[in-house]
PDB file of N, CA and C in Angstrom:
ATOM      1  N   UNK A   1     -16.692   2.307  13.894  1.00  0.00           N
ATOM      2  CA  UNK A   1     -15.743   1.684  12.996  1.00  0.00           C
ATOM      3  C   UNK A   1     -16.053   2.067  11.553  1.00  0.00           C
ATOM      4  N   UNK A   2     -17.319   2.004  11.183  1.00  0.00           N
ATOM      5  CA  UNK A   2     -17.710   2.346   9.807  1.00  0.00           C
ATOM      6  C   UNK A   2     -17.308   3.789   9.482  1.00  0.00           C
ATOM      7  N   UNK A   3     -17.504   4.683  10.415  1.00  0.00           N
ATOM      8  CA  UNK A   3     -17.141   6.093  10.201  1.00  0.00           C
ATOM      9  C   UNK A   3     -15.642   6.230   9.968  1.00  0.00           C
ATOM     10  N   UNK A   4     -14.849   5.513  10.732  1.00  0.00           N
ATOM     11  CA  UNK A   4     -13.394   5.563  10.571  1.00  0.00           C
ATOM     12  C   UNK A   4     -12.986   5.091   9.182  1.00  0.00           C
ATOM     13  N   UNK A   5     -13.597   4.025   8.711  1.00  0.00           N
ATOM     14  CA  UNK A   5     -13.291   3.505   7.376  1.00  0.00           C
ATOM     15  C   UNK A   5     -13.692   4.518   6.315  1.00  0.00           C
ATOM     16  N   UNK A   6     -14.878   5.108   6.451  1.00  0.00           N
ATOM     17  CA  UNK A   6     -15.323   6.108   5.483  1.00  0.00           C
ATOM     18  C   UNK A   6     -14.408   7.329   5.493  1.00  0.00           C
ATOM     19  N   UNK A   7     -13.988   7.762   6.675  1.00  0.00           N
ATOM     20  CA  UNK A   7     -13.057   8.892   6.769  1.00  0.00           C
ATOM     21  C   UNK A   7     -11.734   8.554   6.086  1.00  0.00           C
ATOM     22  N   UNK A   8     -11.260   7.344   6.277  1.00  0.00           N
ATOM     23  CA  UNK A   8     -10.013   6.913   5.634  1.00  0.00           C
ATOM     24  C   UNK A   8     -10.126   6.928   4.128  1.00  0.00           C
ATOM     25  N   UNK A   9     -11.254   6.470   3.605  1.00  0.00           N
ATOM     26  CA  UNK A   9     -11.460   6.467   2.149  1.00  0.00           C
ATOM     27  C   UNK A   9     -11.508   7.882   1.591  1.00  0.00           C
ATOM     28  N   UNK A  10     -12.162   8.784   2.307  1.00  0.00           N
ATOM     29  CA  UNK A  10     -12.210  10.181   1.859  1.00  0.00           C
ATOM     30  C   UNK A  10     -10.808  10.792   1.865  1.00  0.00           C
ATOM     31  N   UNK A  11     -10.039  10.478   2.891  1.00  0.00           N
ATOM     32  CA  UNK A  11      -8.687  11.005   3.000  1.00  0.00           C
ATOM     33  C   UNK A  11      -7.832  10.510   1.839  1.00  0.00           C
ATOM     34  N   UNK A  12      -7.911   9.216   1.504  1.00  0.00           N
ATOM     35  CA  UNK A  12      -7.141   8.655   0.390  1.00  0.00           C
ATOM     36  C   UNK A  12      -7.599   9.269  -0.928  1.00  0.00           C
ATOM     37  N   UNK A  13      -8.885   9.451  -1.083  1.00  0.00           N
ATOM     38  CA  UNK A  13      -9.379  10.068  -2.326  1.00  0.00           C
ATOM     39  C   UNK A  13      -8.860  11.492  -2.481  1.00  0.00           C
ATOM     40  N   UNK A  14      -8.847  12.249  -1.401  1.00  0.00           N
ATOM     41  CA  UNK A  14      -8.292  13.611  -1.471  1.00  0.00           C
ATOM     42  C   UNK A  14      -6.806  13.582  -1.801  1.00  0.00           C
ATOM     43  N   UNK A  15      -6.097  12.655  -1.213  1.00  0.00           N
ATOM     44  CA  UNK A  15      -4.661  12.511  -1.492  1.00  0.00           C
ATOM     45  C   UNK A  15      -4.437  12.211  -2.964  1.00  0.00           C
ATOM     46  N   UNK A  16      -5.219  11.300  -3.519  1.00  0.00           N
ATOM     47  CA  UNK A  16      -5.059  10.912  -4.927  1.00  0.00           C
ATOM     48  C   UNK A  16      -5.494  12.006  -5.896  1.00  0.00           C
ATOM     49  N   UNK A  17      -6.335  12.922  -5.457  1.00  0.00           N
ATOM     50  CA  UNK A  17      -6.826  13.952  -6.367  1.00  0.00           C
ATOM     51  C   UNK A  17      -6.058  15.270  -6.260  1.00  0.00           C
ATOM     52  N   UNK A  18      -4.999  15.313  -5.488  1.00  0.00           N
ATOM     53  CA  UNK A  18      -4.196  16.535  -5.419  1.00  0.00           C
ATOM     54  C   UNK A  18      -3.641  16.871  -6.796  1.00  0.00           C
ATOM     55  N   UNK A  19      -3.491  18.138  -7.070  1.00  0.00           N
ATOM     56  CA  UNK A  19      -2.985  18.568  -8.370  1.00  0.00           C
ATOM     57  C   UNK A  19      -1.466  18.603  -8.438  1.00  0.00           C
ATOM     58  N   UNK A  20      -0.816  18.206  -7.386  1.00  0.00           N
ATOM     59  CA  UNK A  20       0.642  18.124  -7.366  1.00  0.00           C
ATOM     60  C   UNK A  20       1.038  16.668  -7.115  1.00  0.00           C
ATOM     61  N   UNK A  21       2.225  16.266  -7.562  1.00  0.00           N
ATOM     62  CA  UNK A  21       2.652  14.882  -7.320  1.00  0.00           C
ATOM     63  C   UNK A  21       2.825  14.595  -5.825  1.00  0.00           C
ATOM     64  N   UNK A  22       2.426  13.408  -5.420  1.00  0.00           N
ATOM     65  CA  UNK A  22       2.553  12.971  -4.033  1.00  0.00           C
ATOM     66  C   UNK A  22       3.652  11.920  -3.965  1.00  0.00           C
ATOM     67  N   UNK A  23       4.608  12.125  -3.066  1.00  0.00           N
ATOM     68  CA  UNK A  23       5.712  11.184  -2.884  1.00  0.00           C
ATOM     69  C   UNK A  23       5.562  10.534  -1.520  1.00  0.00           C
ATOM     70  N   UNK A  24       5.519   9.205  -1.487  1.00  0.00           N
ATOM     71  CA  UNK A  24       5.450   8.462  -0.231  1.00  0.00           C
ATOM     72  C   UNK A  24       6.862   8.033   0.132  1.00  0.00           C
ATOM     73  N   UNK A  25       7.553   8.852   0.870  1.00  0.00           N
ATOM     74  CA  UNK A  25       8.924   8.556   1.281  1.00  0.00           C
ATOM     75  C   UNK A  25       8.874   7.702   2.545  1.00  0.00           C
ATOM     76  N   UNK A  26       8.632   6.410   2.373  1.00  0.00           N
ATOM     77  CA  UNK A  26       8.448   5.487   3.497  1.00  0.00           C
ATOM     78  C   UNK A  26       9.806   4.872   3.839  1.00  0.00           C
ATOM     79  N   UNK A  27      10.306   5.194   5.017  1.00  0.00           N
ATOM     80  CA  UNK A  27      11.613   4.686   5.438  1.00  0.00           C
ATOM     81  C   UNK A  27      11.457   3.734   6.615  1.00  0.00           C
ATOM     82  N   UNK A  28      10.313   3.119   6.715  1.00  0.00           N
ATOM     83  CA  UNK A  28      10.038   2.176   7.788  1.00  0.00           C
ATOM     84  C   UNK A  28       9.073   1.129   7.274  1.00  0.00           C
ATOM     85  N   UNK A  29       8.431   0.408   8.174  1.00  0.00           N
ATOM     86  CA  UNK A  29       7.483  -0.618   7.729  1.00  0.00           C
ATOM     87  C   UNK A  29       6.320  -0.022   6.943  1.00  0.00           C
ATOM     88  N   UNK A  30       5.905  -0.717   5.921  1.00  0.00           N
ATOM     89  CA  UNK A  30       4.703  -0.351   5.167  1.00  0.00           C
ATOM     90  C   UNK A  30       3.746  -1.514   5.336  1.00  0.00           C
ATOM     91  N   UNK A  31       2.918  -1.435   6.364  1.00  0.00           N
ATOM     92  CA  UNK A  31       2.005  -2.533   6.687  1.00  0.00           C
ATOM     93  C   UNK A  31       0.608  -1.989   6.886  1.00  0.00           C
ATOM     94  N   UNK A  32      -0.374  -2.765   6.465  1.00  0.00           N
ATOM     95  CA  UNK A  32      -1.756  -2.379   6.664  1.00  0.00           C
ATOM     96  C   UNK A  32      -2.097  -1.062   6.003  1.00  0.00           C
ATOM     97  N   UNK A  33      -2.649  -0.130   6.781  1.00  0.00           N
ATOM     98  CA  UNK A  33      -3.059   1.168   6.240  1.00  0.00           C
ATOM     99  C   UNK A  33      -1.867   1.958   5.712  1.00  0.00           C
ATOM    100  N   UNK A  34      -0.707   1.786   6.311  1.00  0.00           N
ATOM    101  CA  UNK A  34       0.497   2.458   5.814  1.00  0.00           C
ATOM    102  C   UNK A  34       0.858   2.001   4.412  1.00  0.00           C
ATOM    103  N   UNK A  35       0.692   0.716   4.158  1.00  0.00           N
ATOM    104  CA  UNK A  35       0.911   0.168   2.815  1.00  0.00           C
ATOM    105  C   UNK A  35      -0.112   0.761   1.856  1.00  0.00           C
ATOM    106  N   UNK A  36      -1.357   0.840   2.284  1.00  0.00           N
ATOM    107  CA  UNK A  36      -2.413   1.409   1.451  1.00  0.00           C
ATOM    108  C   UNK A  36      -2.121   2.865   1.109  1.00  0.00           C
ATOM    109  N   UNK A  37      -1.672   3.633   2.081  1.00  0.00           N
ATOM    110  CA  UNK A  37      -1.351   5.035   1.826  1.00  0.00           C
ATOM    111  C   UNK A  37      -0.190   5.172   0.848  1.00  0.00           C
ATOM    112  N   UNK A  38       0.803   4.298   0.967  1.00  0.00           N
ATOM    113  CA  UNK A  38       1.918   4.331   0.019  1.00  0.00           C
ATOM    114  C   UNK A  38       1.421   4.035  -1.393  1.00  0.00           C
ATOM    115  N   UNK A  39       0.452   3.140  -1.525  1.00  0.00           N
ATOM    116  CA  UNK A  39      -0.121   2.841  -2.843  1.00  0.00           C
ATOM    117  C   UNK A  39      -0.834   4.044  -3.443  1.00  0.00           C
ATOM    118  N   UNK A  40      -1.356   4.914  -2.601  1.00  0.00           N
ATOM    119  CA  UNK A  40      -2.103   6.081  -3.076  1.00  0.00           C
ATOM    120  C   UNK A  40      -1.195   7.165  -3.637  1.00  0.00           C
ATOM    121  N   UNK A  41       0.086   7.092  -3.363  1.00  0.00           N
ATOM    122  CA  UNK A  41       1.021   8.126  -3.814  1.00  0.00           C
ATOM    123  C   UNK A  41       1.364   7.957  -5.293  1.00  0.00           C
ATOM    124  N   UNK A  42       1.810   9.046  -5.897  1.00  0.00           N
ATOM    125  CA  UNK A  42       2.246   9.009  -7.291  1.00  0.00           C
ATOM    126  C   UNK A  42       3.623   8.358  -7.423  1.00  0.00           C
ATOM    127  N   UNK A  43       4.468   8.592  -6.455  1.00  0.00           N
ATOM    128  CA  UNK A  43       5.820   8.025  -6.448  1.00  0.00           C
ATOM    129  C   UNK A  43       6.082   7.401  -5.097  1.00  0.00           C
ATOM    130  N   UNK A  44       6.750   6.265  -5.091  1.00  0.00           N
ATOM    131  CA  UNK A  44       6.986   5.525  -3.857  1.00  0.00           C
ATOM    132  C   UNK A  44       8.422   5.003  -3.834  1.00  0.00           C
ATOM    133  N   UNK A  45       9.392   5.883  -3.566  1.00  0.00           N
ATOM    134  CA  UNK A  45      10.767   5.402  -3.452  1.00  0.00           C
ATOM    135  C   UNK A  45      10.982   4.724  -2.102  1.00  0.00           C
ATOM    136  N   UNK A  46      11.837   3.716  -2.061  1.00  0.00           N
ATOM    137  CA  UNK A  46      12.131   3.015  -0.796  1.00  0.00           C
ATOM    138  C   UNK A  46      13.628   2.790  -0.687  1.00  0.00           C
ATOM    139  N   UNK A  47      14.173   2.942   0.495  1.00  0.00           N
ATOM    140  CA  UNK A  47      15.581   2.593   0.680  1.00  0.00           C
ATOM    141  C   UNK A  47      15.756   1.075   0.658  1.00  0.00           C
ATOM    142  N   UNK A  48      16.891   0.634   0.180  1.00  0.00           N
ATOM    143  CA  UNK A  48      17.182  -0.802   0.077  1.00  0.00           C
ATOM    144  C   UNK A  48      17.056  -1.500   1.436  1.00  0.00           C
ATOM    145  N   UNK A  49      17.385  -0.801   2.499  1.00  0.00           N
ATOM    146  CA  UNK A  49      17.374  -1.381   3.847  1.00  0.00           C
ATOM    147  C   UNK A  49      15.992  -1.379   4.499  1.00  0.00           C
ATOM    148  N   UNK A  50      14.984  -0.918   3.799  1.00  0.00           N
ATOM    149  CA  UNK A  50      13.641  -0.774   4.378  1.00  0.00           C
ATOM    150  C   UNK A  50      13.085  -2.123   4.832  1.00  0.00           C
ATOM    151  N   UNK A  51      12.322  -2.120   5.909  1.00  0.00           N
ATOM    152  CA  UNK A  51      11.667  -3.357   6.365  1.00  0.00           C
ATOM    153  C   UNK A  51      10.677  -3.861   5.316  1.00  0.00           C
ATOM    154  N   UNK A  52      10.217  -5.089   5.449  1.00  0.00           N
ATOM    155  CA  UNK A  52       9.269  -5.657   4.474  1.00  0.00           C
ATOM    156  C   UNK A  52       7.945  -4.897   4.437  1.00  0.00           C
ATOM    157  N   UNK A  53       7.251  -5.032   3.315  1.00  0.00           N
ATOM    158  CA  UNK A  53       5.898  -4.516   3.202  1.00  0.00           C
ATOM    159  C   UNK A  53       4.943  -5.674   3.489  1.00  0.00           C
ATOM    160  N   UNK A  54       3.734  -5.352   3.936  1.00  0.00           N
ATOM    161  CA  UNK A  54       2.778  -6.408   4.258  1.00  0.00           C
ATOM    162  C   UNK A  54       1.361  -5.843   4.270  1.00  0.00           C
ATOM    163  N   UNK A  55       0.471  -6.503   3.584  1.00  0.00           N
ATOM    164  CA  UNK A  55      -0.953  -6.182   3.626  1.00  0.00           C
ATOM    165  C   UNK A  55      -1.498  -6.957   4.825  1.00  0.00           C
ATOM    166  N   UNK A  56      -1.272  -6.448   6.017  1.00  0.00           N
ATOM    167  CA  UNK A  56      -1.415  -7.205   7.272  1.00  0.00           C
ATOM    168  C   UNK A  56      -2.836  -7.349   7.814  1.00  0.00           C
ATOM    169  N   UNK A  57      -3.818  -6.863   7.100  1.00  0.00           N
ATOM    170  CA  UNK A  57      -5.194  -6.876   7.617  1.00  0.00           C
ATOM    171  C   UNK A  57      -5.668  -8.283   7.992  1.00  0.00           C
ATOM    172  N   UNK A  58      -5.332  -9.284   7.186  1.00  0.00           N
ATOM    173  CA  UNK A  58      -5.791 -10.653   7.435  1.00  0.00           C
ATOM    174  C   UNK A  58      -5.256 -11.207   8.756  1.00  0.00           C
ATOM    175  N   UNK A  59      -4.123 -10.705   9.207  1.00  0.00           N
ATOM    176  CA  UNK A  59      -3.546 -11.190  10.470  1.00  0.00           C
ATOM    177  C   UNK A  59      -4.406 -10.832  11.672  1.00  0.00           C
ATOM    178  N   UNK A  60      -5.222  -9.797  11.526  1.00  0.00           N
ATOM    179  CA  UNK A  60      -6.073  -9.371  12.633  1.00  0.00           C
ATOM    180  C   UNK A  60      -7.559  -9.507  12.311  1.00  0.00           C
ATOM    181  N   UNK A  61      -7.872 -10.273  11.261  1.00  0.00           N
ATOM    182  CA  UNK A  61      -9.254 -10.566  10.924  1.00  0.00           C
ATOM    183  C   UNK A  61     -10.018  -9.420  10.273  1.00  0.00           C
ATOM    184  N   UNK A  62      -9.310  -8.530   9.605  1.00  0.00           N
ATOM    185  CA  UNK A  62      -9.951  -7.402   8.944  1.00  0.00           C
ATOM    186  C   UNK A  62      -9.798  -7.514   7.428  1.00  0.00           C
ATOM    187  N   UNK A  63     -10.601  -6.763   6.723  1.00  0.00           N
ATOM    188  CA  UNK A  63     -10.447  -6.666   5.272  1.00  0.00           C
ATOM    189  C   UNK A  63      -9.604  -5.420   4.994  1.00  0.00           C
ATOM    190  N   UNK A  64      -8.858  -5.416   3.893  1.00  0.00           N
ATOM    191  CA  UNK A  64      -8.036  -4.246   3.574  1.00  0.00           C
ATOM    192  C   UNK A  64      -8.875  -2.977   3.455  1.00  0.00           C
ATOM    193  N   UNK A  65      -8.351  -1.891   4.006  1.00  0.00           N
ATOM    194  CA  UNK A  65      -9.051  -0.614   3.909  1.00  0.00           C
ATOM    195  C   UNK A  65      -8.086   0.468   3.445  1.00  0.00           C
ATOM    196  N   UNK A  66      -8.454   1.703   3.630  1.00  0.00           N
ATOM    197  CA  UNK A  66      -7.689   2.863   3.164  1.00  0.00           C
ATOM    198  C   UNK A  66      -7.401   2.770   1.671  1.00  0.00           C
ATOM    199  N   UNK A  67      -8.373   2.278   0.927  1.00  0.00           N
ATOM    200  CA  UNK A  67      -8.256   2.228  -0.521  1.00  0.00           C
ATOM    201  C   UNK A  67      -7.544   1.018  -1.078  1.00  0.00           C
ATOM    202  N   UNK A  68      -7.106   0.087  -0.240  1.00  0.00           N
ATOM    203  CA  UNK A  68      -6.333  -1.065  -0.719  1.00  0.00           C
ATOM    204  C   UNK A  68      -7.129  -1.937  -1.693  1.00  0.00           C
ATOM    205  N   UNK A  69      -8.429  -2.113  -1.456  1.00  0.00           N
ATOM    206  CA  UNK A  69      -9.235  -2.926  -2.386  1.00  0.00           C
ATOM    207  C   UNK A  69      -9.216  -2.341  -3.795  1.00  0.00           C
ATOM    208  N   UNK A  70      -9.178  -1.032  -3.886  1.00  0.00           N
ATOM    209  CA  UNK A  70      -9.158  -0.366  -5.182  1.00  0.00           C
ATOM    210  C   UNK A  70      -7.731  -0.286  -5.742  1.00  0.00           C
ATOM    211  N   UNK A  71      -6.776   0.107  -4.917  1.00  0.00           N
ATOM    212  CA  UNK A  71      -5.423   0.427  -5.386  1.00  0.00           C
ATOM    213  C   UNK A  71      -4.542  -0.791  -5.651  1.00  0.00           C
ATOM    214  N   UNK A  72      -4.594  -1.789  -4.786  1.00  0.00           N
ATOM    215  CA  UNK A  72      -3.677  -2.920  -4.913  1.00  0.00           C
ATOM    216  C   UNK A  72      -3.862  -3.701  -6.210  1.00  0.00           C
ATOM    217  N   UNK A  73      -5.075  -4.078  -6.606  1.00  0.00           N
ATOM    218  CA  UNK A  73      -5.217  -4.801  -7.882  1.00  0.00           C
ATOM    219  C   UNK A  73      -4.748  -3.986  -9.085  1.00  0.00           C
ATOM    220  N   UNK A  74      -4.911  -2.685  -9.017  1.00  0.00           N
ATOM    221  CA  UNK A  74      -4.464  -1.842 -10.124  1.00  0.00           C
ATOM    222  C   UNK A  74      -2.946  -1.749 -10.181  1.00  0.00           C
ATOM    223  N   UNK A  75      -2.298  -1.921  -9.057  1.00  0.00           N
ATOM    224  CA  UNK A  75      -0.839  -1.848  -9.012  1.00  0.00           C
ATOM    225  C   UNK A  75      -0.181  -3.165  -9.409  1.00  0.00           C
ATOM    226  N   UNK A  76      -0.760  -4.294  -8.992  1.00  0.00           N
ATOM    227  CA  UNK A  76      -0.079  -5.586  -9.188  1.00  0.00           C
ATOM    228  C   UNK A  76      -0.903  -6.623  -9.934  1.00  0.00           C
ATOM    229  N   UNK A  77      -2.145  -6.317 -10.264  1.00  0.00           N
ATOM    230  CA  UNK A  77      -3.023  -7.306 -10.887  1.00  0.00           C
ATOM    231  C   UNK A  77      -3.812  -8.060  -9.827  1.00  0.00           C
ATOM    232  N   UNK A  78      -4.951  -8.581 -10.237  1.00  0.00           N
ATOM    233  CA  UNK A  78      -5.859  -9.220  -9.286  1.00  0.00           C
ATOM    234  C   UNK A  78      -5.282 -10.471  -8.617  1.00  0.00           C
ATOM    235  N   UNK A  79      -4.636 -11.399  -9.360  1.00  0.00           N
ATOM    236  CA  UNK A  79      -4.118 -12.599  -8.679  1.00  0.00           C
ATOM    237  C   UNK A  79      -3.088 -12.272  -7.587  1.00  0.00           C
ATOM    238  N   UNK A  80      -2.152 -11.376  -7.867  1.00  0.00           N
ATOM    239  CA  UNK A  80      -1.149 -11.023  -6.853  1.00  0.00           C
ATOM    240  C   UNK A  80      -1.786 -10.224  -5.724  1.00  0.00           C
ATOM    241  N   UNK A  81      -2.743  -9.372  -6.034  1.00  0.00           N
ATOM    242  CA  UNK A  81      -3.428  -8.614  -4.988  1.00  0.00           C
ATOM    243  C   UNK A  81      -4.131  -9.562  -4.015  1.00  0.00           C
ATOM    244  N   UNK A  82      -4.777 -10.591  -4.556  1.00  0.00           N
ATOM    245  CA  UNK A  82      -5.434 -11.574  -3.692  1.00  0.00           C
ATOM    246  C   UNK A  82      -4.412 -12.288  -2.815  1.00  0.00           C
ATOM    247  N   UNK A  83      -3.295 -12.690  -3.412  1.00  0.00           N
ATOM    248  CA  UNK A  83      -2.272 -13.381  -2.617  1.00  0.00           C
ATOM    249  C   UNK A  83      -1.782 -12.494  -1.478  1.00  0.00           C
ATOM    250  N   UNK A  84      -1.450 -11.253  -1.783  1.00  0.00           N
ATOM    251  CA  UNK A  84      -0.931 -10.349  -0.753  1.00  0.00           C
ATOM    252  C   UNK A  84      -1.971 -10.076   0.331  1.00  0.00           C
ATOM    253  N   UNK A  85      -3.229  -9.892  -0.064  1.00  0.00           N
ATOM    254  CA  UNK A  85      -4.279  -9.576   0.907  1.00  0.00           C
ATOM    255  C   UNK A  85      -4.687 -10.785   1.741  1.00  0.00           C
ATOM    256  N   UNK A  86      -4.811 -11.960   1.115  1.00  0.00           N
ATOM    257  CA  UNK A  86      -5.306 -13.137   1.826  1.00  0.00           C
ATOM    258  C   UNK A  86      -4.247 -13.799   2.707  1.00  0.00           C
ATOM    259  N   UNK A  87      -2.985 -13.718   2.296  1.00  0.00           N
ATOM    260  CA  UNK A  87      -1.937 -14.406   3.056  1.00  0.00           C
ATOM    261  C   UNK A  87      -1.228 -13.506   4.055  1.00  0.00           C
ATOM    262  N   UNK A  88      -1.286 -12.191   3.847  1.00  0.00           N
ATOM    263  CA  UNK A  88      -0.587 -11.231   4.705  1.00  0.00           C
ATOM    264  C   UNK A  88       0.907 -11.543   4.796  1.00  0.00           C
ATOM    265  N   UNK A  89       1.450 -12.114   3.729  1.00  0.00           N
ATOM    266  CA  UNK A  89       2.883 -12.425   3.754  1.00  0.00           C
ATOM    267  C   UNK A  89       3.703 -11.160   3.592  1.00  0.00           C
ATOM    268  N   UNK A  90       4.914 -11.211   4.098  1.00  0.00           N
ATOM    269  CA  UNK A  90       5.816 -10.075   4.012  1.00  0.00           C
ATOM    270  C   UNK A  90       6.650 -10.175   2.747  1.00  0.00           C
ATOM    271  N   UNK A  91       6.890  -9.032   2.131  1.00  0.00           N
ATOM    272  CA  UNK A  91       7.706  -8.980   0.931  1.00  0.00           C
ATOM    273  C   UNK A  91       8.817  -7.961   1.084  1.00  0.00           C
ATOM    274  N   UNK A  92       9.940  -8.237   0.508  1.00  0.00           N
ATOM    275  CA  UNK A  92      11.102  -7.347   0.572  1.00  0.00           C
ATOM    276  C   UNK A  92      11.032  -6.262  -0.497  1.00  0.00           C
ATOM    277  N   UNK A  93      11.906  -5.281  -0.376  1.00  0.00           N
ATOM    278  CA  UNK A  93      11.927  -4.140  -1.284  1.00  0.00           C
ATOM    279  C   UNK A  93      12.173  -4.578  -2.723  1.00  0.00           C
ATOM    280  N   UNK A  94      13.055  -5.537  -2.944  1.00  0.00           N
ATOM    281  CA  UNK A  94      13.339  -5.995  -4.315  1.00  0.00           C
ATOM    282  C   UNK A  94      12.074  -6.560  -4.957  1.00  0.00           C
ATOM    283  N   UNK A  95      11.287  -7.317  -4.201  1.00  0.00           N
ATOM    284  CA  UNK A  95      10.036  -7.844  -4.739  1.00  0.00           C
ATOM    285  C   UNK A  95       9.048  -6.712  -5.002  1.00  0.00           C
ATOM    286  N   UNK A  96       8.984  -5.760  -4.084  1.00  0.00           N
ATOM    287  CA  UNK A  96       8.083  -4.620  -4.271  1.00  0.00           C
ATOM    288  C   UNK A  96       8.431  -3.874  -5.557  1.00  0.00           C
ATOM    289  N   UNK A  97       9.708  -3.733  -5.837  1.00  0.00           N
ATOM    290  CA  UNK A  97      10.143  -3.075  -7.075  1.00  0.00           C
ATOM    291  C   UNK A  97       9.715  -3.886  -8.283  1.00  0.00           C
ATOM    292  N   UNK A  98       9.920  -5.205  -8.238  1.00  0.00           N
ATOM    293  CA  UNK A  98       9.575  -6.046  -9.400  1.00  0.00           C
ATOM    294  C   UNK A  98       8.061  -6.081  -9.632  1.00  0.00           C
ATOM    295  N   UNK A  99       7.266  -5.915  -8.580  1.00  0.00           N
ATOM    296  CA  UNK A  99       5.808  -5.901  -8.710  1.00  0.00           C
ATOM    297  C   UNK A  99       5.269  -4.537  -9.129  1.00  0.00           C
ATOM    298  N   UNK A 100       6.103  -3.522  -9.079  1.00  0.00           N
ATOM    299  CA  UNK A 100       5.656  -2.171  -9.422  1.00  0.00           C
ATOM    300  C   UNK A 100       5.084  -1.398  -8.248  1.00  0.00           C
ATOM    301  N   UNK A 101       5.251  -1.914  -7.033  1.00  0.00           N
ATOM    302  CA  UNK A 101       4.772  -1.224  -5.843  1.00  0.00           C
ATOM    303  C   UNK A 101       5.702  -0.090  -5.449  1.00  0.00           C
ATOM    304  N   UNK A 102       6.958  -0.208  -5.814  1.00  0.00           N
ATOM    305  CA  UNK A 102       7.987   0.773  -5.490  1.00  0.00           C
ATOM    306  C   UNK A 102       8.552   1.286  -6.808  1.00  0.00           C
ATOM    307  N   UNK A 103       8.717   2.594  -6.910  1.00  0.00           N
ATOM    308  CA  UNK A 103       9.192   3.181  -8.155  1.00  0.00           C
ATOM    309  C   UNK A 103      10.705   3.216  -8.254  1.00  0.00           C
ATOM    310  N   UNK A 104      11.364   3.298  -7.133  1.00  0.00           N
ATOM    311  CA  UNK A 104      12.822   3.278  -7.148  1.00  0.00           C
ATOM    312  C   UNK A 104      13.324   2.742  -5.811  1.00  0.00           C
ATOM    313  N   UNK A 105      14.487   2.113  -5.868  1.00  0.00           N
ATOM    314  CA  UNK A 105      15.145   1.596  -4.663  1.00  0.00           C
ATOM    315  C   UNK A 105      16.460   2.340  -4.530  1.00  0.00           C
ATOM    316  N   UNK A 106      16.669   2.919  -3.370  1.00  0.00           N
ATOM    317  CA  UNK A 106      17.873   3.730  -3.167  1.00  0.00           C
ATOM    318  C   UNK A 106      18.765   3.145  -2.111  1.00  0.00           C
TER     319      UNK A 106
END
């Protein structure tokens, strides 16, 4: 398990250090590690009809991984990051846009 987490962190770090812009074109659920990967992108457009986003790790007794501990507070601030991580509540695209998690809604 530890190796998998370390591999995930290395993968996210490589993604964030690319010299070209990274676009996370997520047209489905953004939950758990998928949400974390979307946070690692430079641009994160979402369609209006997209399913909710969720930092779902708490639902299965895990701590956020794939860079979420680092990326989420920087995207939304520490109080909101704690709420999203500890409650695992689902949020809609409009909320994601207002929080700065999504760069555009199409």
